[in-house]
């Protein structure tokens, strides 16, 4: 999961250097400790400085559903990137199938 420490720090008027100084480490060490696999103790230190819960340091998981792909009918390939695009394609396919059945 992605952290939002910089965003929260800016909202509090702090920089990463400010947070690192309060912890007693360099900005580079703070950055290194947060990137990859941060420890719970480091996350707790940062959360305490920012006045937030540890869970608030993480960006929420995306809840947006994504439609993406290619559909083919009668030799025609169409890229779809939304539900509306899928619906338009289905409508076109229905017209083709109705004409074939006549």
PDB file of N, CA and C in Angstrom:
ATOM      1  N   UNK A   1       0.828  -1.182   0.000  1.00  0.00           N
ATOM      2  CA  UNK A   1       0.000   0.000   0.000  1.00  0.00           C
ATOM      3  C   UNK A   1       0.877   1.253   0.000  1.00  0.00           C
ATOM      4  N   UNK A   2       0.343   2.278  -0.575  1.00  0.00           N
ATOM      5  CA  UNK A   2       1.087   3.523  -0.715  1.00  0.00           C
ATOM      6  C   UNK A   2       0.847   4.431   0.495  1.00  0.00           C
ATOM      7  N   UNK A   3       1.929   5.060   0.953  1.00  0.00           N
ATOM      8  CA  UNK A   3       1.837   5.971   2.088  1.00  0.00           C
ATOM      9  C   UNK A   3       1.509   7.386   1.623  1.00  0.00           C
ATOM     10  N   UNK A   4       0.901   8.158   2.503  1.00  0.00           N
ATOM     11  CA  UNK A   4       0.574   9.549   2.201  1.00  0.00           C
ATOM     12  C   UNK A   4       1.184  10.484   3.239  1.00  0.00           C
ATOM     13  N   UNK A   5       2.391  10.138   3.697  1.00  0.00           N
ATOM     14  CA  UNK A   5       3.077  10.911   4.729  1.00  0.00           C
ATOM     15  C   UNK A   5       3.358  12.331   4.261  1.00  0.00           C
ATOM     16  N   UNK A   6       3.862  12.490   3.053  1.00  0.00           N
ATOM     17  CA  UNK A   6       4.194  13.827   2.535  1.00  0.00           C
ATOM     18  C   UNK A   6       2.940  14.701   2.496  1.00  0.00           C
ATOM     19  N   UNK A   7       1.853  14.139   2.006  1.00  0.00           N
ATOM     20  CA  UNK A   7       0.588  14.873   1.920  1.00  0.00           C
ATOM     21  C   UNK A   7       0.127  15.325   3.312  1.00  0.00           C
ATOM     22  N   UNK A   8       0.178  14.415   4.278  1.00  0.00           N
ATOM     23  CA  UNK A   8      -0.242  14.745   5.643  1.00  0.00           C
ATOM     24  C   UNK A   8       0.702  15.758   6.280  1.00  0.00           C
ATOM     25  N   UNK A   9       1.993  15.603   6.017  1.00  0.00           N
ATOM     26  CA  UNK A   9       2.984  16.530   6.574  1.00  0.00           C
ATOM     27  C   UNK A   9       2.738  17.942   6.054  1.00  0.00           C
ATOM     28  N   UNK A  10       2.521  18.068   4.757  1.00  0.00           N
ATOM     29  CA  UNK A  10       2.266  19.390   4.171  1.00  0.00           C
ATOM     30  C   UNK A  10       1.009  20.025   4.755  1.00  0.00           C
ATOM     31  N   UNK A  11      -0.011  19.192   5.012  1.00  0.00           N
ATOM     32  CA  UNK A  11      -1.244  19.708   5.601  1.00  0.00           C
ATOM     33  C   UNK A  11      -0.996  20.251   7.006  1.00  0.00           C
ATOM     34  N   UNK A  12       0.017  19.709   7.682  1.00  0.00           N
ATOM     35  CA  UNK A  12       0.369  20.170   9.036  1.00  0.00           C
ATOM     36  C   UNK A  12       1.455  21.246   9.023  1.00  0.00           C
ATOM     37  N   UNK A  13       1.901  21.629   7.819  1.00  0.00           N
ATOM     38  CA  UNK A  13       2.946  22.640   7.699  1.00  0.00           C
ATOM     39  C   UNK A  13       4.330  22.102   8.013  1.00  0.00           C
ATOM     40  N   UNK A  14       4.509  20.801   7.837  1.00  0.00           N
ATOM     41  CA  UNK A  14       5.794  20.155   8.108  1.00  0.00           C
ATOM     42  C   UNK A  14       6.421  19.631   6.827  1.00  0.00           C
ATOM     43  N   UNK A  15       7.722  19.457   6.874  1.00  0.00           N
ATOM     44  CA  UNK A  15       8.446  18.806   5.776  1.00  0.00           C
ATOM     45  C   UNK A  15       8.924  17.450   6.280  1.00  0.00           C
ATOM     46  N   UNK A  16       9.395  16.641   5.368  1.00  0.00           N
ATOM     47  CA  UNK A  16       9.965  15.351   5.760  1.00  0.00           C
ATOM     48  C   UNK A  16      11.192  15.570   6.638  1.00  0.00           C
ATOM     49  N   UNK A  17      11.930  16.641   6.367  1.00  0.00           N
ATOM     50  CA  UNK A  17      13.103  16.972   7.191  1.00  0.00           C
ATOM     51  C   UNK A  17      12.678  17.302   8.621  1.00  0.00           C
ATOM     52  N   UNK A  18      11.540  17.997   8.768  1.00  0.00           N
ATOM     53  CA  UNK A  18      11.021  18.310  10.110  1.00  0.00           C
ATOM     54  C   UNK A  18      10.682  17.032  10.874  1.00  0.00           C
ATOM     55  N   UNK A  19      10.030  16.120  10.203  1.00  0.00           N
ATOM     56  CA  UNK A  19       9.650  14.854  10.837  1.00  0.00           C
ATOM     57  C   UNK A  19      10.894  14.066  11.218  1.00  0.00           C
ATOM     58  N   UNK A  20      11.841  13.991  10.296  1.00  0.00           N
ATOM     59  CA  UNK A  20      13.087  13.259  10.565  1.00  0.00           C
ATOM     60  C   UNK A  20      13.811  13.847  11.768  1.00  0.00           C
ATOM     61  N   UNK A  21      13.863  15.165  11.848  1.00  0.00           N
ATOM     62  CA  UNK A  21      14.543  15.830  12.959  1.00  0.00           C
ATOM     63  C   UNK A  21      13.885  15.469  14.287  1.00  0.00           C
ATOM     64  N   UNK A  22      12.554  15.449  14.307  1.00  0.00           N
ATOM     65  CA  UNK A  22      11.841  15.103  15.538  1.00  0.00           C
ATOM     66  C   UNK A  22      12.081  13.656  15.950  1.00  0.00           C
ATOM     67  N   UNK A  23      12.270  12.776  14.965  1.00  0.00           N
ATOM     68  CA  UNK A  23      12.564  11.369  15.260  1.00  0.00           C
ATOM     69  C   UNK A  23      14.019  11.217  15.693  1.00  0.00           C
ATOM     70  N   UNK A  24      14.885  12.087  15.159  1.00  0.00           N
ATOM     71  CA  UNK A  24      16.307  12.012  15.470  1.00  0.00           C
ATOM     72  C   UNK A  24      17.125  11.274  14.436  1.00  0.00           C
ATOM     73  N   UNK A  25      16.633  11.326  13.180  1.00  0.00           N
ATOM     74  CA  UNK A  25      17.358  10.697  12.076  1.00  0.00           C
ATOM     75  C   UNK A  25      17.432  11.688  10.922  1.00  0.00           C
ATOM     76  N   UNK A  26      18.186  11.329   9.890  1.00  0.00           N
ATOM     77  CA  UNK A  26      18.278  12.212   8.723  1.00  0.00           C
ATOM     78  C   UNK A  26      17.041  12.034   7.839  1.00  0.00           C
ATOM     79  N   UNK A  27      16.793  13.022   6.981  1.00  0.00           N
ATOM     80  CA  UNK A  27      15.672  12.941   6.040  1.00  0.00           C
ATOM     81  C   UNK A  27      15.826  11.733   5.125  1.00  0.00           C
ATOM     82  N   UNK A  28      17.060  11.464   4.710  1.00  0.00           N
ATOM     83  CA  UNK A  28      17.326  10.313   3.834  1.00  0.00           C
ATOM     84  C   UNK A  28      16.992   9.015   4.555  1.00  0.00           C
ATOM     85  N   UNK A  29      17.388   8.906   5.823  1.00  0.00           N
ATOM     86  CA  UNK A  29      17.075   7.694   6.587  1.00  0.00           C
ATOM     87  C   UNK A  29      15.562   7.537   6.762  1.00  0.00           C
ATOM     88  N   UNK A  30      14.859   8.643   6.991  1.00  0.00           N
ATOM     89  CA  UNK A  30      13.406   8.579   7.110  1.00  0.00           C
ATOM     90  C   UNK A  30      12.798   8.087   5.807  1.00  0.00           C
ATOM     91  N   UNK A  31      13.224   8.662   4.708  1.00  0.00           N
ATOM     92  CA  UNK A  31      12.711   8.258   3.411  1.00  0.00           C
ATOM     93  C   UNK A  31      12.967   6.775   3.147  1.00  0.00           C
ATOM     94  N   UNK A  32      14.191   6.346   3.423  1.00  0.00           N
ATOM     95  CA  UNK A  32      14.541   4.934   3.221  1.00  0.00           C
ATOM     96  C   UNK A  32      13.716   4.022   4.110  1.00  0.00           C
ATOM     97  N   UNK A  33      13.463   4.448   5.340  1.00  0.00           N
ATOM     98  CA  UNK A  33      12.725   3.586   6.270  1.00  0.00           C
ATOM     99  C   UNK A  33      11.239   3.516   5.926  1.00  0.00           C
ATOM    100  N   UNK A  34      10.724   4.511   5.234  1.00  0.00           N
ATOM    101  CA  UNK A  34       9.307   4.501   4.859  1.00  0.00           C
ATOM    102  C   UNK A  34       9.058   3.841   3.510  1.00  0.00           C
ATOM    103  N   UNK A  35      10.056   3.837   2.648  1.00  0.00           N
ATOM    104  CA  UNK A  35       9.902   3.215   1.330  1.00  0.00           C
ATOM    105  C   UNK A  35      10.144   1.721   1.448  1.00  0.00           C
ATOM    106  N   UNK A  36       9.326   0.962   0.799  1.00  0.00           N
ATOM    107  CA  UNK A  36       9.510  -0.486   0.822  1.00  0.00           C
ATOM    108  C   UNK A  36       8.690  -1.140   1.909  1.00  0.00           C
ATOM    109  N   UNK A  37       9.334  -1.427   3.035  1.00  0.00           N
ATOM    110  CA  UNK A  37       8.675  -2.177   4.095  1.00  0.00           C
ATOM    111  C   UNK A  37       8.903  -1.501   5.442  1.00  0.00           C
ATOM    112  N   UNK A  38       8.182  -0.425   5.734  1.00  0.00           N
ATOM    113  CA  UNK A  38       8.409   0.306   6.982  1.00  0.00           C
ATOM    114  C   UNK A  38       7.986  -0.515   8.196  1.00  0.00           C
ATOM    115  N   UNK A  39       8.692  -0.316   9.301  1.00  0.00           N
ATOM    116  CA  UNK A  39       8.340  -1.012  10.534  1.00  0.00           C
ATOM    117  C   UNK A  39       7.158  -0.321  11.198  1.00  0.00           C
ATOM    118  N   UNK A  40       6.454  -1.064  12.017  1.00  0.00           N
ATOM    119  CA  UNK A  40       5.328  -0.486  12.747  1.00  0.00           C
ATOM    120  C   UNK A  40       5.810   0.600  13.697  1.00  0.00           C
ATOM    121  N   UNK A  41       6.987   0.403  14.288  1.00  0.00           N
ATOM    122  CA  UNK A  41       7.492   1.421  15.210  1.00  0.00           C
ATOM    123  C   UNK A  41       7.795   2.729  14.481  1.00  0.00           C
ATOM    124  N   UNK A  42       8.333   2.655  13.264  1.00  0.00           N
ATOM    125  CA  UNK A  42       8.593   3.870  12.487  1.00  0.00           C
ATOM    126  C   UNK A  42       7.293   4.542  12.088  1.00  0.00           C
ATOM    127  N   UNK A  43       6.328   3.737  11.637  1.00  0.00           N
ATOM    128  CA  UNK A  43       5.032   4.295  11.259  1.00  0.00           C
ATOM    129  C   UNK A  43       4.354   4.952  12.461  1.00  0.00           C
ATOM    130  N   UNK A  44       4.491   4.355  13.629  1.00  0.00           N
ATOM    131  CA  UNK A  44       3.907   4.915  14.846  1.00  0.00           C
ATOM    132  C   UNK A  44       4.568   6.240  15.202  1.00  0.00           C
ATOM    133  N   UNK A  45       5.895   6.310  15.065  1.00  0.00           N
ATOM    134  CA  UNK A  45       6.607   7.568  15.336  1.00  0.00           C
ATOM    135  C   UNK A  45       6.098   8.680  14.424  1.00  0.00           C
ATOM    136  N   UNK A  46       6.004   8.380  13.152  1.00  0.00           N
ATOM    137  CA  UNK A  46       5.565   9.371  12.171  1.00  0.00           C
ATOM    138  C   UNK A  46       4.118   9.782  12.437  1.00  0.00           C
ATOM    139  N   UNK A  47       3.251   8.797  12.709  1.00  0.00           N
ATOM    140  CA  UNK A  47       1.847   9.093  12.990  1.00  0.00           C
ATOM    141  C   UNK A  47       1.711   9.984  14.219  1.00  0.00           C
ATOM    142  N   UNK A  48       2.495   9.717  15.249  1.00  0.00           N
ATOM    143  CA  UNK A  48       2.440  10.535  16.469  1.00  0.00           C
ATOM    144  C   UNK A  48       2.856  11.976  16.179  1.00  0.00           C
ATOM    145  N   UNK A  49       3.885  12.160  15.386  1.00  0.00           N
ATOM    146  CA  UNK A  49       4.338  13.514  15.034  1.00  0.00           C
ATOM    147  C   UNK A  49       3.265  14.250  14.243  1.00  0.00           C
ATOM    148  N   UNK A  50       2.591  13.527  13.362  1.00  0.00           N
ATOM    149  CA  UNK A  50       1.556  14.141  12.525  1.00  0.00           C
ATOM    150  C   UNK A  50       0.208  14.238  13.234  1.00  0.00           C
ATOM    151  N   UNK A  51       0.094  13.584  14.384  1.00  0.00           N
ATOM    152  CA  UNK A  51      -1.160  13.626  15.128  1.00  0.00           C
ATOM    153  C   UNK A  51      -2.285  12.851  14.479  1.00  0.00           C
ATOM    154  N   UNK A  52      -1.929  11.739  13.849  1.00  0.00           N
ATOM    155  CA  UNK A  52      -2.923  10.897  13.178  1.00  0.00           C
ATOM    156  C   UNK A  52      -2.746   9.452  13.620  1.00  0.00           C
ATOM    157  N   UNK A  53      -3.719   8.626  13.301  1.00  0.00           N
ATOM    158  CA  UNK A  53      -3.611   7.190  13.528  1.00  0.00           C
ATOM    159  C   UNK A  53      -2.711   6.594  12.445  1.00  0.00           C
ATOM    160  N   UNK A  54      -2.048   5.486  12.759  1.00  0.00           N
ATOM    161  CA  UNK A  54      -1.171   4.831  11.776  1.00  0.00           C
ATOM    162  C   UNK A  54      -1.939   4.517  10.497  1.00  0.00           C
ATOM    163  N   UNK A  55      -3.175   4.079  10.629  1.00  0.00           N
ATOM    164  CA  UNK A  55      -3.972   3.725   9.442  1.00  0.00           C
ATOM    165  C   UNK A  55      -4.160   4.904   8.489  1.00  0.00           C
ATOM    166  N   UNK A  56      -4.141   6.130   9.020  1.00  0.00           N
ATOM    167  CA  UNK A  56      -4.318   7.316   8.186  1.00  0.00           C
ATOM    168  C   UNK A  56      -3.094   7.619   7.334  1.00  0.00           C
ATOM    169  N   UNK A  57      -1.972   6.972   7.617  1.00  0.00           N
ATOM    170  CA  UNK A  57      -0.756   7.173   6.820  1.00  0.00           C
ATOM    171  C   UNK A  57      -0.864   6.494   5.459  1.00  0.00           C
ATOM    172  N   UNK A  58      -1.816   5.577   5.320  1.00  0.00           N
ATOM    173  CA  UNK A  58      -1.956   4.810   4.082  1.00  0.00           C
ATOM    174  C   UNK A  58      -3.042   5.388   3.196  1.00  0.00           C
ATOM    175  N   UNK A  59      -2.754   5.415   1.903  1.00  0.00           N
ATOM    176  CA  UNK A  59      -3.765   5.838   0.937  1.00  0.00           C
ATOM    177  C   UNK A  59      -4.826   4.756   0.875  1.00  0.00           C
ATOM    178  N   UNK A  60      -6.091   5.155   0.812  1.00  0.00           N
ATOM    179  CA  UNK A  60      -7.145   4.138   0.728  1.00  0.00           C
ATOM    180  C   UNK A  60      -7.060   3.378  -0.585  1.00  0.00           C
ATOM    181  N   UNK A  61      -7.460   2.127  -0.528  1.00  0.00           N
ATOM    182  CA  UNK A  61      -7.477   1.307  -1.735  1.00  0.00           C
ATOM    183  C   UNK A  61      -8.516   1.865  -2.695  1.00  0.00           C
ATOM    184  N   UNK A  62      -8.220   1.800  -3.965  1.00  0.00           N
ATOM    185  CA  UNK A  62      -9.135   2.313  -4.977  1.00  0.00           C
ATOM    186  C   UNK A  62     -10.410   1.478  -4.996  1.00  0.00           C
ATOM    187  N   UNK A  63     -11.535   2.150  -4.985  1.00  0.00           N
ATOM    188  CA  UNK A  63     -12.825   1.463  -5.068  1.00  0.00           C
ATOM    189  C   UNK A  63     -13.430   1.610  -6.458  1.00  0.00           C
ATOM    190  N   UNK A  64     -12.721   2.311  -7.312  1.00  0.00           N
ATOM    191  CA  UNK A  64     -13.223   2.534  -8.665  1.00  0.00           C
ATOM    192  C   UNK A  64     -13.078   1.270  -9.493  1.00  0.00           C
ATOM    193  N   UNK A  65     -14.155   0.882 -10.131  1.00  0.00           N
ATOM    194  CA  UNK A  65     -14.145  -0.281 -11.011  1.00  0.00           C
ATOM    195  C   UNK A  65     -13.682   0.183 -12.392  1.00  0.00           C
ATOM    196  N   UNK A  66     -12.803  -0.588 -12.996  1.00  0.00           N
ATOM    197  CA  UNK A  66     -12.243  -0.203 -14.286  1.00  0.00           C
ATOM    198  C   UNK A  66     -12.662  -1.217 -15.342  1.00  0.00           C
ATOM    199  N   UNK A  67     -13.128  -0.704 -16.457  1.00  0.00           N
ATOM    200  CA  UNK A  67     -13.462  -1.539 -17.608  1.00  0.00           C
ATOM    201  C   UNK A  67     -12.422  -1.241 -18.675  1.00  0.00           C
ATOM    202  N   UNK A  68     -11.779  -2.282 -19.156  1.00  0.00           N
ATOM    203  CA  UNK A  68     -10.771  -2.072 -20.183  1.00  0.00           C
ATOM    204  C   UNK A  68     -10.564  -3.369 -20.949  1.00  0.00           C
ATOM    205  N   UNK A  69     -10.525  -3.252 -22.262  1.00  0.00           N
ATOM    206  CA  UNK A  69     -10.274  -4.443 -23.055  1.00  0.00           C
ATOM    207  C   UNK A  69     -10.619  -4.216 -24.516  1.00  0.00           C
ATOM    208  N   UNK A  70     -10.594  -5.316 -25.256  1.00  0.00           N
ATOM    209  CA  UNK A  70     -10.906  -5.280 -26.678  1.00  0.00           C
ATOM    210  C   UNK A  70     -11.995  -6.311 -26.942  1.00  0.00           C
ATOM    211  N   UNK A  71     -12.940  -5.935 -27.771  1.00  0.00           N
ATOM    212  CA  UNK A  71     -14.014  -6.837 -28.165  1.00  0.00           C
ATOM    213  C   UNK A  71     -13.986  -6.960 -29.678  1.00  0.00           C
ATOM    214  N   UNK A  72     -14.366  -8.138 -30.149  1.00  0.00           N
ATOM    215  CA  UNK A  72     -14.362  -8.375 -31.591  1.00  0.00           C
ATOM    216  C   UNK A  72     -15.693  -8.965 -32.017  1.00  0.00           C
ATOM    217  N   UNK A  73     -16.190  -8.456 -33.123  1.00  0.00           N
ATOM    218  CA  UNK A  73     -17.398  -9.011 -33.734  1.00  0.00           C
ATOM    219  C   UNK A  73     -17.290  -8.845 -35.239  1.00  0.00           C
ATOM    220  N   UNK A  74     -17.479  -9.941 -35.922  1.00  0.00           N
ATOM    221  CA  UNK A  74     -17.501  -9.917 -37.381  1.00  0.00           C
ATOM    222  C   UNK A  74     -16.219  -9.312 -37.961  1.00  0.00           C
ATOM    223  N   UNK A  75     -15.073  -9.624 -37.327  1.00  0.00           N
ATOM    224  CA  UNK A  75     -13.783  -9.150 -37.809  1.00  0.00           C
ATOM    225  C   UNK A  75     -13.426  -7.735 -37.391  1.00  0.00           C
ATOM    226  N   UNK A  76     -14.319  -7.073 -36.706  1.00  0.00           N
ATOM    227  CA  UNK A  76     -14.071  -5.701 -36.248  1.00  0.00           C
ATOM    228  C   UNK A  76     -13.670  -5.730 -34.775  1.00  0.00           C
ATOM    229  N   UNK A  77     -12.530  -5.146 -34.470  1.00  0.00           N
ATOM    230  CA  UNK A  77     -12.029  -5.108 -33.092  1.00  0.00           C
ATOM    231  C   UNK A  77     -12.205  -3.697 -32.550  1.00  0.00           C
ATOM    232  N   UNK A  78     -12.787  -3.614 -31.358  1.00  0.00           N
ATOM    233  CA  UNK A  78     -13.063  -2.332 -30.731  1.00  0.00           C
ATOM    234  C   UNK A  78     -12.457  -2.326 -29.332  1.00  0.00           C
ATOM    235  N   UNK A  79     -11.730  -1.243 -29.012  1.00  0.00           N
ATOM    236  CA  UNK A  79     -11.202  -1.078 -27.658  1.00  0.00           C
ATOM    237  C   UNK A  79     -12.305  -0.453 -26.812  1.00  0.00           C
ATOM    238  N   UNK A  80     -12.548  -1.024 -25.638  1.00  0.00           N
ATOM    239  CA  UNK A  80     -13.538  -0.469 -24.716  1.00  0.00           C
ATOM    240  C   UNK A  80     -12.830  -0.036 -23.438  1.00  0.00           C
ATOM    241  N   UNK A  81     -13.247   1.128 -22.921  1.00  0.00           N
ATOM    242  CA  UNK A  81     -12.618   1.642 -21.707  1.00  0.00           C
ATOM    243  C   UNK A  81     -13.640   2.190 -20.716  1.00  0.00           C
ATOM    244  N   UNK A  82     -14.911   1.822 -20.943  1.00  0.00           N
ATOM    245  CA  UNK A  82     -15.962   2.242 -20.026  1.00  0.00           C
ATOM    246  C   UNK A  82     -17.161   1.331 -20.229  1.00  0.00           C
ATOM    247  N   UNK A  83     -18.057   1.372 -19.270  1.00  0.00           N
ATOM    248  CA  UNK A  83     -19.284   0.593 -19.392  1.00  0.00           C
ATOM    249  C   UNK A  83     -20.111   1.081 -20.572  1.00  0.00           C
ATOM    250  N   UNK A  84     -20.128   2.379 -20.794  1.00  0.00           N
ATOM    251  CA  UNK A  84     -20.867   2.927 -21.935  1.00  0.00           C
ATOM    252  C   UNK A  84     -20.318   2.406 -23.260  1.00  0.00           C
ATOM    253  N   UNK A  85     -19.001   2.288 -23.364  1.00  0.00           N
ATOM    254  CA  UNK A  85     -18.397   1.767 -24.597  1.00  0.00           C
ATOM    255  C   UNK A  85     -18.809   0.314 -24.820  1.00  0.00           C
ATOM    256  N   UNK A  86     -18.898  -0.457 -23.740  1.00  0.00           N
ATOM    257  CA  UNK A  86     -19.339  -1.848 -23.855  1.00  0.00           C
ATOM    258  C   UNK A  86     -20.796  -1.884 -24.329  1.00  0.00           C
ATOM    259  N   UNK A  87     -21.630  -1.040 -23.749  1.00  0.00           N
ATOM    260  CA  UNK A  87     -23.043  -0.998 -24.128  1.00  0.00           C
ATOM    261  C   UNK A  87     -23.217  -0.613 -25.596  1.00  0.00           C
ATOM    262  N   UNK A  88     -22.436   0.372 -26.059  1.00  0.00           N
ATOM    263  CA  UNK A  88     -22.514   0.770 -27.475  1.00  0.00           C
ATOM    264  C   UNK A  88     -22.111  -0.395 -28.374  1.00  0.00           C
ATOM    265  N   UNK A  89     -21.063  -1.113 -27.979  1.00  0.00           N
ATOM    266  CA  UNK A  89     -20.605  -2.249 -28.777  1.00  0.00           C
ATOM    267  C   UNK A  89     -21.685  -3.329 -28.824  1.00  0.00           C
ATOM    268  N   UNK A  90     -22.283  -3.616 -27.690  1.00  0.00           N
ATOM    269  CA  UNK A  90     -23.339  -4.638 -27.644  1.00  0.00           C
ATOM    270  C   UNK A  90     -24.519  -4.223 -28.523  1.00  0.00           C
ATOM    271  N   UNK A  91     -24.879  -2.953 -28.501  1.00  0.00           N
ATOM    272  CA  UNK A  91     -25.967  -2.465 -29.342  1.00  0.00           C
ATOM    273  C   UNK A  91     -25.641  -2.672 -30.819  1.00  0.00           C
ATOM    274  N   UNK A  92     -24.407  -2.393 -31.195  1.00  0.00           N
ATOM    275  CA  UNK A  92     -23.988  -2.597 -32.588  1.00  0.00           C
ATOM    276  C   UNK A  92     -24.022  -4.070 -32.961  1.00  0.00           C
ATOM    277  N   UNK A  93     -23.578  -4.927 -32.039  1.00  0.00           N
ATOM    278  CA  UNK A  93     -23.586  -6.375 -32.298  1.00  0.00           C
ATOM    279  C   UNK A  93     -25.023  -6.863 -32.452  1.00  0.00           C
ATOM    280  N   UNK A  94     -25.919  -6.371 -31.603  1.00  0.00           N
ATOM    281  CA  UNK A  94     -27.327  -6.766 -31.714  1.00  0.00           C
ATOM    282  C   UNK A  94     -27.894  -6.389 -33.083  1.00  0.00           C
ATOM    283  N   UNK A  95     -27.539  -5.204 -33.600  1.00  0.00           N
ATOM    284  CA  UNK A  95     -28.014  -4.782 -34.931  1.00  0.00           C
ATOM    285  C   UNK A  95     -27.476  -5.722 -35.991  1.00  0.00           C
ATOM    286  N   UNK A  96     -26.198  -6.095 -35.870  1.00  0.00           N
ATOM    287  CA  UNK A  96     -25.588  -6.997 -36.860  1.00  0.00           C
ATOM    288  C   UNK A  96     -26.296  -8.345 -36.823  1.00  0.00           C
ATOM    289  N   UNK A  97     -26.547  -8.871 -35.612  1.00  0.00           N
ATOM    290  CA  UNK A  97     -27.161 -10.185 -35.491  1.00  0.00           C
ATOM    291  C   UNK A  97     -28.617 -10.181 -35.991  1.00  0.00           C
ATOM    292  N   UNK A  98     -29.325  -9.080 -35.775  1.00  0.00           N
ATOM    293  CA  UNK A  98     -30.707  -8.957 -36.262  1.00  0.00           C
ATOM    294  C   UNK A  98     -30.702  -8.956 -37.788  1.00  0.00           C
ATOM    295  N   UNK A  99     -29.767  -8.222 -38.392  1.00  0.00           N
ATOM    296  CA  UNK A  99     -29.688  -8.160 -39.861  1.00  0.00           C
ATOM    297  C   UNK A  99     -29.310  -9.508 -40.437  1.00  0.00           C
ATOM    298  N   UNK A 100     -28.482 -10.292 -39.744  1.00  0.00           N
ATOM    299  CA  UNK A 100     -28.076 -11.600 -40.235  1.00  0.00           C
ATOM    300  C   UNK A 100     -29.267 -12.555 -40.200  1.00  0.00           C
ATOM    301  N   UNK A 101     -30.123 -12.412 -39.165  1.00  0.00           N
ATOM    302  CA  UNK A 101     -31.266 -13.292 -39.016  1.00  0.00           C
ATOM    303  C   UNK A 101     -32.404 -12.995 -39.970  1.00  0.00           C
ATOM    304  N   UNK A 102     -32.368 -11.865 -40.647  1.00  0.00           N
ATOM    305  CA  UNK A 102     -33.471 -11.510 -41.555  1.00  0.00           C
ATOM    306  C   UNK A 102     -33.350 -12.200 -42.887  1.00  0.00           C
TER     307      UNK A 102
END
